[in-house]
Amino acid sequence: MTAAPVTPDAADARDAAASGLFAADLALALRLADAADAVTMARFDAADLEIDVKPDATHVTEADLATERAIRAILGSERPDDGIFGEEYGAEGSTHRQWIIDPIDGTANYLKGIPMWATLIALAVDGVPQVGVVSQPALGRRWWGATGSGAWTATDAGPRRLGVSSVDTLAEASISFQSIQQWDEVGRLDQLVALTRTVWRDRGYGDAWPYMLLAEGRLEFVAEFGVKEYDIAPMFPIIAEAGGRVTAIDGSASLADRSVLATNGALHDAFLGAVARAEGTAP
């Protein structure tokens, strides 16, 4: 069976979120993750899991739907004036303070019984993610962060503060490209191959986990395409508070082209340049 989740208890959560403008929101986000974990783990690897196909040809399970409903119910009770944007039930309410939810990021893994999936929870204020939680209960992992409160992960010994690596040369960098298919679909496969020739190590870890490995200082680069807000929102405050940087693949702050490039910060410009040179848009 899967590992029991390692999650912060109430005291741990208060200690790690005791200061900062968004302390109360972060504490709530951690409780939302607790509720989500209970729903997702109850149906993970179930032989009778109900699975449907959405109009966009992606899969959705009963657990995706039930998890988002559970999160929405808590927010409706505790933050009735806040808006919600979830993958399964869309957007409603205010966009000034908006909770952005992906109940199961990695549904394809979830329905196959592969433990590489997570619940993503973020609070955006005027479109800027300020609070983020990534909970990966099948692996017993959770990460969280908020502007001004640092970025953290849960361990058996209590919360541990996150920090990106100090690697500052491409030749020493370890990268995750998410999937070859993604890069091929957007006509950037040659760029990916060229990039892999400049770095120390490349792997396609996939979904939320490589972003958290980046925040832990274990990777220097994660990039992907076709992302929605709910796929990436919590990564912004977690990675930023860990000392990293997140932009679109062209370096802009917009997700308009649905791409994302996350790095340890020290190598961000170098990676932008390497990708651009591979595309032929830079000398």
Foldseek 3Di string as FASTA:
>chain_A
DFDAAQAFDLVLLCVLLVDDPCSVVQSVVSVLQVQLCVLLVVCFPPPPWAWDADPVRDIDTPSQVVSVVSSVVVCCVVPVQEWEAEPPPGIDHDPQKYKYWRSWWPVVCRVVNHQPIWIWIFIAGNRATFWIKTGRRSNNKIKIFGVPSAIWIGDPVGIDGWAAAPDQAQQAFEEAAQDLVQCVVVPQNLLVVQSCVRHNYYDNPHADVVLVCRRRHNGFKYKGFPADCSRCRRSQRNLVRNQKDKPALQRHNDCVRRMMMIGSHSCPVVSSVSSCVSVVNHD
